[in-house]
Amino acid sequence: MLIAPYFFQISMAYRSTLLATLIPVTYEKTIDTIDDLDQSGLPIMLPMGNAYYQNFRRDPRQAMQSIFQRSAEWHYDSSKPKPDYYYPM
């Protein structure tokens, strides 16, 4: 029978895949809240003239003001060529 020699390999592949999906590996702390984003020190990119930009600029919370101060402002105009720092996703 042809299945018998390959049964061990198939069962090992299934077990390793099953274990890989059941055990989550976290490499760094997740950013779930505004305070987490502020404590991470990561900059964000805000397009100018957008509702997001206005919300970040006007938000009275200290964490949001700190994030806004280190944000990179993106001056976007669709009629002009893309800036050097633009990266299509």
PDB file of N, CA and C in Angstrom:
ATOM      1  N   MET A   1       0.841  -1.171   0.000  1.00  0.00           N
ATOM      2  CA  MET A   1       0.000   0.000   0.000  1.00  0.00           C
ATOM      3  C   MET A   1       0.896   1.247   0.000  1.00  0.00           C
ATOM      4  N   LEU A   2       0.557   2.240  -0.778  1.00  0.00           N
ATOM      5  CA  LEU A   2       1.383   3.425  -0.941  1.00  0.00           C
ATOM      6  C   LEU A   2       1.249   4.429   0.200  1.00  0.00           C
ATOM      7  N   ILE A   3       0.168   4.432   0.920  1.00  0.00           N
ATOM      8  CA  ILE A   3      -0.062   5.429   1.961  1.00  0.00           C
ATOM      9  C   ILE A   3       0.812   5.169   3.188  1.00  0.00           C
ATOM     10  N   ALA A   4       1.086   3.942   3.516  1.00  0.00           N
ATOM     11  CA  ALA A   4       1.811   3.604   4.740  1.00  0.00           C
ATOM     12  C   ALA A   4       3.178   4.278   4.855  1.00  0.00           C
ATOM     13  N   PRO A   5       4.029   4.307   3.815  1.00  0.00           N
ATOM     14  CA  PRO A   5       5.331   4.954   3.997  1.00  0.00           C
ATOM     15  C   PRO A   5       5.244   6.467   4.200  1.00  0.00           C
ATOM     16  N   TYR A   6       4.208   7.097   3.685  1.00  0.00           N
ATOM     17  CA  TYR A   6       4.091   8.552   3.759  1.00  0.00           C
ATOM     18  C   TYR A   6       3.243   9.020   4.931  1.00  0.00           C
ATOM     19  N   PHE A   7       2.629   8.108   5.635  1.00  0.00           N
ATOM     20  CA  PHE A   7       1.750   8.487   6.735  1.00  0.00           C
ATOM     21  C   PHE A   7       2.506   9.245   7.826  1.00  0.00           C
ATOM     22  N   PHE A   8       3.712   8.799   8.157  1.00  0.00           N
ATOM     23  CA  PHE A   8       4.497   9.465   9.194  1.00  0.00           C
ATOM     24  C   PHE A   8       4.834  10.905   8.786  1.00  0.00           C
ATOM     25  N   GLN A   9       5.222  11.103   7.542  1.00  0.00           N
ATOM     26  CA  GLN A   9       5.567  12.447   7.067  1.00  0.00           C
ATOM     27  C   GLN A   9       4.342  13.352   7.071  1.00  0.00           C
ATOM     28  N   ILE A  10       3.214  12.842   6.649  1.00  0.00           N
ATOM     29  CA  ILE A  10       1.988  13.644   6.623  1.00  0.00           C
ATOM     30  C   ILE A  10       1.561  14.001   8.040  1.00  0.00           C
ATOM     31  N   SER A  11       1.629  13.045   8.951  1.00  0.00           N
ATOM     32  CA  SER A  11       1.215  13.335  10.319  1.00  0.00           C
ATOM     33  C   SER A  11       2.157  14.335  10.988  1.00  0.00           C
ATOM     34  N   MET A  12       3.452  14.269  10.723  1.00  0.00           N
ATOM     35  CA  MET A  12       4.396  15.240  11.282  1.00  0.00           C
ATOM     36  C   MET A  12       4.169  16.633  10.712  1.00  0.00           C
ATOM     37  N   ALA A  13       3.887  16.712   9.431  1.00  0.00           N
ATOM     38  CA  ALA A  13       3.595  18.014   8.819  1.00  0.00           C
ATOM     39  C   ALA A  13       2.338  18.618   9.419  1.00  0.00           C
ATOM     40  N   TYR A  14       1.332  17.800   9.640  1.00  0.00           N
ATOM     41  CA  TYR A  14       0.085  18.287  10.234  1.00  0.00           C
ATOM     42  C   TYR A  14       0.332  18.765  11.660  1.00  0.00           C
ATOM     43  N   ARG A  15       1.097  18.008  12.441  1.00  0.00           N
ATOM     44  CA  ARG A  15       1.365  18.394  13.823  1.00  0.00           C
ATOM     45  C   ARG A  15       2.146  19.699  13.897  1.00  0.00           C
ATOM     46  N   SER A  16       3.151  19.862  13.068  1.00  0.00           N
ATOM     47  CA  SER A  16       3.946  21.091  13.124  1.00  0.00           C
ATOM     48  C   SER A  16       3.123  22.292  12.689  1.00  0.00           C
ATOM     49  N   THR A  17       2.256  22.116  11.711  1.00  0.00           N
ATOM     50  CA  THR A  17       1.392  23.212  11.277  1.00  0.00           C
ATOM     51  C   THR A  17       0.381  23.547  12.359  1.00  0.00           C
ATOM     52  N   LEU A  18      -0.170  22.529  12.973  1.00  0.00           N
ATOM     53  CA  LEU A  18      -1.135  22.748  14.042  1.00  0.00           C
ATOM     54  C   LEU A  18      -0.494  23.476  15.210  1.00  0.00           C
ATOM     55  N   LEU A  19       0.692  23.068  15.627  1.00  0.00           N
ATOM     56  CA  LEU A  19       1.369  23.743  16.723  1.00  0.00           C
ATOM     57  C   LEU A  19       1.736  25.175  16.370  1.00  0.00           C
ATOM     58  N   ALA A  20       2.125  25.411  15.137  1.00  0.00           N
ATOM     59  CA  ALA A  20       2.494  26.764  14.720  1.00  0.00           C
ATOM     60  C   ALA A  20       1.304  27.705  14.750  1.00  0.00           C
ATOM     61  N   THR A  21       0.108  27.188  14.513  1.00  0.00           N
ATOM     62  CA  THR A  21      -1.067  28.056  14.528  1.00  0.00           C
ATOM     63  C   THR A  21      -1.647  28.209  15.926  1.00  0.00           C
ATOM     64  N   LEU A  22      -1.377  27.300  16.816  1.00  0.00           N
ATOM     65  CA  LEU A  22      -1.921  27.385  18.164  1.00  0.00           C
ATOM     66  C   LEU A  22      -1.056  28.212  19.107  1.00  0.00           C
ATOM     67  N   ILE A  23       0.218  28.359  18.821  1.00  0.00           N
ATOM     68  CA  ILE A  23       1.132  29.079  19.700  1.00  0.00           C
ATOM     69  C   ILE A  23       1.511  30.398  19.030  1.00  0.00           C
ATOM     70  N   PRO A  24       0.901  31.514  19.459  1.00  0.00           N
ATOM     71  CA  PRO A  24       1.255  32.795  18.856  1.00  0.00           C
ATOM     72  C   PRO A  24       2.616  33.282  19.354  1.00  0.00           C
ATOM     73  N   VAL A  25       3.397  33.813  18.465  1.00  0.00           N
ATOM     74  CA  VAL A  25       4.701  34.342  18.808  1.00  0.00           C
ATOM     75  C   VAL A  25       4.618  35.861  18.720  1.00  0.00           C
ATOM     76  N   THR A  26       4.910  36.535  19.808  1.00  0.00           N
ATOM     77  CA  THR A  26       4.905  37.996  19.799  1.00  0.00           C
ATOM     78  C   THR A  26       6.344  38.483  19.828  1.00  0.00           C
ATOM     79  N   TYR A  27       6.679  39.334  18.912  1.00  0.00           N
ATOM     80  CA  TYR A  27       8.043  39.834  18.803  1.00  0.00           C
ATOM     81  C   TYR A  27       8.234  41.153  19.533  1.00  0.00           C
ATOM     82  N   GLU A  28       7.203  41.952  19.602  1.00  0.00           N
ATOM     83  CA  GLU A  28       7.289  43.216  20.316  1.00  0.00           C
ATOM     84  C   GLU A  28       5.904  43.556  20.842  1.00  0.00           C
ATOM     85  N   LYS A  29       5.853  44.506  21.745  1.00  0.00           N
ATOM     86  CA  LYS A  29       4.585  44.882  22.345  1.00  0.00           C
ATOM     87  C   LYS A  29       3.705  45.548  21.290  1.00  0.00           C
ATOM     88  N   THR A  30       2.431  45.191  21.283  1.00  0.00           N
ATOM     89  CA  THR A  30       1.507  45.759  20.311  1.00  0.00           C
ATOM     90  C   THR A  30       1.117  47.178  20.704  1.00  0.00           C
ATOM     91  N   ILE A  31       0.706  47.957  19.731  1.00  0.00           N
ATOM     92  CA  ILE A  31       0.225  49.311  19.961  1.00  0.00           C
ATOM     93  C   ILE A  31      -1.287  49.266  19.805  1.00  0.00           C
ATOM     94  N   ASP A  32      -1.989  49.370  20.942  1.00  0.00           N
ATOM     95  CA  ASP A  32      -3.437  49.245  20.935  1.00  0.00           C
ATOM     96  C   ASP A  32      -4.159  50.543  21.271  1.00  0.00           C
ATOM     97  N   THR A  33      -3.505  51.452  21.955  1.00  0.00           N
ATOM     98  CA  THR A  33      -4.155  52.691  22.385  1.00  0.00           C
ATOM     99  C   THR A  33      -3.279  53.885  22.004  1.00  0.00           C
ATOM    100  N   ILE A  34      -3.835  55.060  22.185  1.00  0.00           N
ATOM    101  CA  ILE A  34      -3.094  56.301  21.924  1.00  0.00           C
ATOM    102  C   ILE A  34      -1.909  56.407  22.877  1.00  0.00           C
ATOM    103  N   ASP A  35      -2.102  56.004  24.126  1.00  0.00           N
ATOM    104  CA  ASP A  35      -0.995  56.047  25.095  1.00  0.00           C
ATOM    105  C   ASP A  35       0.132  55.094  24.694  1.00  0.00           C
ATOM    106  N   ASP A  36      -0.230  53.933  24.154  1.00  0.00           N
ATOM    107  CA  ASP A  36       0.798  53.002  23.674  1.00  0.00           C
ATOM    108  C   ASP A  36       1.591  53.607  22.524  1.00  0.00           C
ATOM    109  N   LEU A  37       0.895  54.295  21.622  1.00  0.00           N
ATOM    110  CA  LEU A  37       1.576  54.947  20.495  1.00  0.00           C
ATOM    111  C   LEU A  37       2.487  56.058  20.993  1.00  0.00           C
ATOM    112  N   ASP A  38       2.040  56.800  21.985  1.00  0.00           N
ATOM    113  CA  ASP A  38       2.862  57.870  22.541  1.00  0.00           C
ATOM    114  C   ASP A  38       4.099  57.307  23.237  1.00  0.00           C
ATOM    115  N   GLN A  39       3.944  56.239  23.982  1.00  0.00           N
ATOM    116  CA  GLN A  39       5.070  55.648  24.700  1.00  0.00           C
ATOM    117  C   GLN A  39       6.052  54.946  23.767  1.00  0.00           C
ATOM    118  N   SER A  40       5.580  54.512  22.600  1.00  0.00           N
ATOM    119  CA  SER A  40       6.484  53.828  21.665  1.00  0.00           C
ATOM    120  C   SER A  40       7.488  54.782  21.036  1.00  0.00           C
ATOM    121  N   GLY A  41       7.123  56.054  20.914  1.00  0.00           N
ATOM    122  CA  GLY A  41       8.023  57.022  20.308  1.00  0.00           C
ATOM    123  C   GLY A  41       8.070  56.956  18.795  1.00  0.00           C
ATOM    124  N   LEU A  42       7.203  56.170  18.188  1.00  0.00           N
ATOM    125  CA  LEU A  42       7.182  56.046  16.731  1.00  0.00           C
ATOM    126  C   LEU A  42       6.493  57.252  16.101  1.00  0.00           C
ATOM    127  N   PRO A  43       7.044  57.780  15.024  1.00  0.00           N
ATOM    128  CA  PRO A  43       6.363  58.879  14.338  1.00  0.00           C
ATOM    129  C   PRO A  43       5.265  58.331  13.425  1.00  0.00           C
ATOM    130  N   ILE A  44       4.301  59.161  13.134  1.00  0.00           N
ATOM    131  CA  ILE A  44       3.280  58.791  12.172  1.00  0.00           C
ATOM    132  C   ILE A  44       3.294  59.815  11.046  1.00  0.00           C
ATOM    133  N   MET A  45       2.741  59.455   9.918  1.00  0.00           N
ATOM    134  CA  MET A  45       2.706  60.338   8.768  1.00  0.00           C
ATOM    135  C   MET A  45       1.280  60.854   8.592  1.00  0.00           C
ATOM    136  N   LEU A  46       1.110  62.162   8.671  1.00  0.00           N
ATOM    137  CA  LEU A  46      -0.211  62.774   8.559  1.00  0.00           C
ATOM    138  C   LEU A  46      -0.302  63.582   7.268  1.00  0.00           C
ATOM    139  N   PRO A  47      -1.284  63.298   6.424  1.00  0.00           N
ATOM    140  CA  PRO A  47      -1.463  64.133   5.233  1.00  0.00           C
ATOM    141  C   PRO A  47      -2.062  65.485   5.622  1.00  0.00           C
ATOM    142  N   MET A  48      -1.474  66.548   5.136  1.00  0.00           N
ATOM    143  CA  MET A  48      -1.952  67.898   5.445  1.00  0.00           C
ATOM    144  C   MET A  48      -3.312  68.130   4.798  1.00  0.00           C
ATOM    145  N   GLY A  49      -4.146  68.948   5.450  1.00  0.00           N
ATOM    146  CA  GLY A  49      -5.444  69.305   4.904  1.00  0.00           C
ATOM    147  C   GLY A  49      -6.449  68.172   4.973  1.00  0.00           C
ATOM    148  N   ASN A  50      -6.208  67.229   5.834  1.00  0.00           N
ATOM    149  CA  ASN A  50      -7.067  66.070   5.967  1.00  0.00           C
ATOM    150  C   ASN A  50      -7.749  66.117   7.331  1.00  0.00           C
ATOM    151  N   ALA A  51      -8.829  65.389   7.480  1.00  0.00           N
ATOM    152  CA  ALA A  51      -9.527  65.349   8.769  1.00  0.00           C
ATOM    153  C   ALA A  51      -8.646  64.738   9.857  1.00  0.00           C
ATOM    154  N   TYR A  52      -7.836  63.755   9.500  1.00  0.00           N
ATOM    155  CA  TYR A  52      -6.920  63.166  10.480  1.00  0.00           C
ATOM    156  C   TYR A  52      -5.948  64.214  11.021  1.00  0.00           C
ATOM    157  N   TYR A  53      -5.415  65.016  10.130  1.00  0.00           N
ATOM    158  CA  TYR A  53      -4.471  66.058  10.541  1.00  0.00           C
ATOM    159  C   TYR A  53      -5.144  67.045  11.499  1.00  0.00           C
ATOM    160  N   GLN A  54      -6.360  67.468  11.151  1.00  0.00           N
ATOM    161  CA  GLN A  54      -7.080  68.415  12.006  1.00  0.00           C
ATOM    162  C   GLN A  54      -7.425  67.796  13.359  1.00  0.00           C
ATOM    163  N   ASN A  55      -7.801  66.524  13.358  1.00  0.00           N
ATOM    164  CA  ASN A  55      -8.120  65.864  14.627  1.00  0.00           C
ATOM    165  C   ASN A  55      -6.896  65.751  15.518  1.00  0.00           C
ATOM    166  N   PHE A  56      -5.754  65.402  14.942  1.00  0.00           N
ATOM    167  CA  PHE A  56      -4.530  65.312  15.741  1.00  0.00           C
ATOM    168  C   PHE A  56      -4.108  66.692  16.233  1.00  0.00           C
ATOM    169  N   ARG A  57      -4.258  67.701  15.413  1.00  0.00           N
ATOM    170  CA  ARG A  57      -3.822  69.053  15.775  1.00  0.00           C
ATOM    171  C   ARG A  57      -4.679  69.639  16.899  1.00  0.00           C
ATOM    172  N   ARG A  58      -5.980  69.380  16.873  1.00  0.00           N
ATOM    173  CA  ARG A  58      -6.900  70.002  17.830  1.00  0.00           C
ATOM    174  C   ARG A  58      -7.173  69.168  19.083  1.00  0.00           C
ATOM    175  N   ASP A  59      -6.706  67.946  19.133  1.00  0.00           N
ATOM    176  CA  ASP A  59      -7.001  67.082  20.279  1.00  0.00           C
ATOM    177  C   ASP A  59      -6.304  67.611  21.526  1.00  0.00           C
ATOM    178  N   PRO A  60      -7.047  67.808  22.636  1.00  0.00           N
ATOM    179  CA  PRO A  60      -6.447  68.399  23.835  1.00  0.00           C
ATOM    180  C   PRO A  60      -5.609  67.434  24.674  1.00  0.00           C
ATOM    181  N   ARG A  61      -5.669  66.133  24.413  1.00  0.00           N
ATOM    182  CA  ARG A  61      -4.913  65.178  25.229  1.00  0.00           C
ATOM    183  C   ARG A  61      -3.412  65.357  25.019  1.00  0.00           C
ATOM    184  N   GLN A  62      -2.673  65.214  26.108  1.00  0.00           N
ATOM    185  CA  GLN A  62      -1.224  65.394  26.059  1.00  0.00           C
ATOM    186  C   GLN A  62      -0.567  64.352  25.155  1.00  0.00           C
ATOM    187  N   ALA A  63      -1.060  63.127  25.185  1.00  0.00           N
ATOM    188  CA  ALA A  63      -0.493  62.066  24.344  1.00  0.00           C
ATOM    189  C   ALA A  63      -0.664  62.408  22.867  1.00  0.00           C
ATOM    190  N   MET A  64      -1.831  62.907  22.502  1.00  0.00           N
ATOM    191  CA  MET A  64      -2.072  63.261  21.094  1.00  0.00           C
ATOM    192  C   MET A  64      -1.206  64.446  20.668  1.00  0.00           C
ATOM    193  N   GLN A  65      -1.008  65.409  21.547  1.00  0.00           N
ATOM    194  CA  GLN A  65      -0.151  66.546  21.224  1.00  0.00           C
ATOM    195  C   GLN A  65       1.298  66.097  21.048  1.00  0.00           C
ATOM    196  N   SER A  66       1.732  65.166  21.870  1.00  0.00           N
ATOM    197  CA  SER A  66       3.084  64.632  21.741  1.00  0.00           C
ATOM    198  C   SER A  66       3.256  63.882  20.424  1.00  0.00           C
ATOM    199  N   ILE A  67       2.264  63.091  20.047  1.00  0.00           N
ATOM    200  CA  ILE A  67       2.309  62.364  18.776  1.00  0.00           C
ATOM    201  C   ILE A  67       2.306  63.344  17.613  1.00  0.00           C
ATOM    202  N   PHE A  68       1.496  64.391  17.713  1.00  0.00           N
ATOM    203  CA  PHE A  68       1.417  65.380  16.640  1.00  0.00           C
ATOM    204  C   PHE A  68       2.747  66.120  16.472  1.00  0.00           C
ATOM    205  N   GLN A  69       3.436  66.407  17.571  1.00  0.00           N
ATOM    206  CA  GLN A  69       4.702  67.137  17.500  1.00  0.00           C
ATOM    207  C   GLN A  69       5.781  66.345  16.762  1.00  0.00           C
ATOM    208  N   ARG A  70       5.768  65.034  16.870  1.00  0.00           N
ATOM    209  CA  ARG A  70       6.791  64.246  16.187  1.00  0.00           C
ATOM    210  C   ARG A  70       6.294  63.618  14.886  1.00  0.00           C
ATOM    211  N   SER A  71       5.102  63.995  14.441  1.00  0.00           N
ATOM    212  CA  SER A  71       4.559  63.428  13.204  1.00  0.00           C
ATOM    213  C   SER A  71       5.258  64.038  11.986  1.00  0.00           C
ATOM    214  N   ALA A  72       5.261  63.272  10.916  1.00  0.00           N
ATOM    215  CA  ALA A  72       5.785  63.752   9.636  1.00  0.00           C
ATOM    216  C   ALA A  72       4.593  64.236   8.821  1.00  0.00           C
ATOM    217  N   GLU A  73       4.636  65.497   8.431  1.00  0.00           N
ATOM    218  CA  GLU A  73       3.528  66.058   7.663  1.00  0.00           C
ATOM    219  C   GLU A  73       3.729  65.766   6.190  1.00  0.00           C
ATOM    220  N   TRP A  74       2.694  65.293   5.584  1.00  0.00           N
ATOM    221  CA  TRP A  74       2.739  64.888   4.185  1.00  0.00           C
ATOM    222  C   TRP A  74       1.935  65.886   3.378  1.00  0.00           C
ATOM    223  N   HIS A  75       2.605  66.698   2.591  1.00  0.00           N
ATOM    224  CA  HIS A  75       1.939  67.690   1.745  1.00  0.00           C
ATOM    225  C   HIS A  75       1.551  67.006   0.447  1.00  0.00           C
ATOM    226  N   TYR A  76       0.286  66.642   0.352  1.00  0.00           N
ATOM    227  CA  TYR A  76      -0.172  65.863  -0.803  1.00  0.00           C
ATOM    228  C   TYR A  76      -1.042  66.712  -1.705  1.00  0.00           C
ATOM    229  N   ASP A  77      -0.689  66.737  -2.973  1.00  0.00           N
ATOM    230  CA  ASP A  77      -1.500  67.376  -4.003  1.00  0.00           C
ATOM    231  C   ASP A  77      -1.474  66.442  -5.202  1.00  0.00           C
ATOM    232  N   SER A  78      -2.622  65.936  -5.580  1.00  0.00           N
ATOM    233  CA  SER A  78      -2.670  64.927  -6.639  1.00  0.00           C
ATOM    234  C   SER A  78      -2.271  65.484  -8.000  1.00  0.00           C
ATOM    235  N   SER A  79      -2.300  66.798  -8.177  1.00  0.00           N
ATOM    236  CA  SER A  79      -1.927  67.365  -9.467  1.00  0.00           C
ATOM    237  C   SER A  79      -0.408  67.476  -9.637  1.00  0.00           C
ATOM    238  N   LYS A  80       0.338  67.373  -8.530  1.00  0.00           N
ATOM    239  CA  LYS A  80       1.794  67.479  -8.582  1.00  0.00           C
ATOM    240  C   LYS A  80       2.424  66.094  -8.562  1.00  0.00           C
ATOM    241  N   PRO A  81       3.681  65.974  -8.982  1.00  0.00           N
ATOM    242  CA  PRO A  81       4.345  64.659  -8.897  1.00  0.00           C
ATOM    243  C   PRO A  81       4.526  64.229  -7.445  1.00  0.00           C
ATOM    244  N   LYS A  82       4.646  62.955  -7.247  1.00  0.00           N
ATOM    245  CA  LYS A  82       4.776  62.392  -5.899  1.00  0.00           C
ATOM    246  C   LYS A  82       6.104  62.845  -5.272  1.00  0.00           C
ATOM    247  N   PRO A  83       6.111  63.106  -3.955  1.00  0.00           N
ATOM    248  CA  PRO A  83       7.360  63.504  -3.288  1.00  0.00           C
ATOM    249  C   PRO A  83       8.341  62.348  -3.198  1.00  0.00           C
ATOM    250  N   ASP A  84       9.592  62.656  -2.846  1.00  0.00           N
ATOM    251  CA  ASP A  84      10.641  61.651  -2.768  1.00  0.00           C
ATOM    252  C   ASP A  84      10.378  60.611  -1.685  1.00  0.00           C
ATOM    253  N   TYR A  85       9.717  61.031  -0.603  1.00  0.00           N
ATOM    254  CA  TYR A  85       9.505  60.117   0.517  1.00  0.00           C
ATOM    255  C   TYR A  85       8.226  59.293   0.350  1.00  0.00           C
ATOM    256  N   TYR A  86       7.516  59.429  -0.758  1.00  0.00           N
ATOM    257  CA  TYR A  86       6.291  58.663  -0.989  1.00  0.00           C
ATOM    258  C   TYR A  86       6.637  57.218  -1.333  1.00  0.00           C
ATOM    259  N   TYR A  87       5.960  56.293  -0.650  1.00  0.00           N
ATOM    260  CA  TYR A  87       6.177  54.869  -0.911  1.00  0.00           C
ATOM    261  C   TYR A  87       4.817  54.227  -1.162  1.00  0.00           C
ATOM    262  N   PRO A  88       4.566  53.769  -2.382  1.00  0.00           N
ATOM    263  CA  PRO A  88       3.252  53.167  -2.664  1.00  0.00           C
ATOM    264  C   PRO A  88       3.069  51.859  -1.920  1.00  0.00           C
ATOM    265  N   MET A  89       1.885  51.643  -1.407  1.00  0.00           N
ATOM    266  CA  MET A  89       1.604  50.404  -0.667  1.00  0.00           C
ATOM    267  C   MET A  89       0.606  49.572  -1.413  1.00  0.00           C
TER     268      MET A  89
END
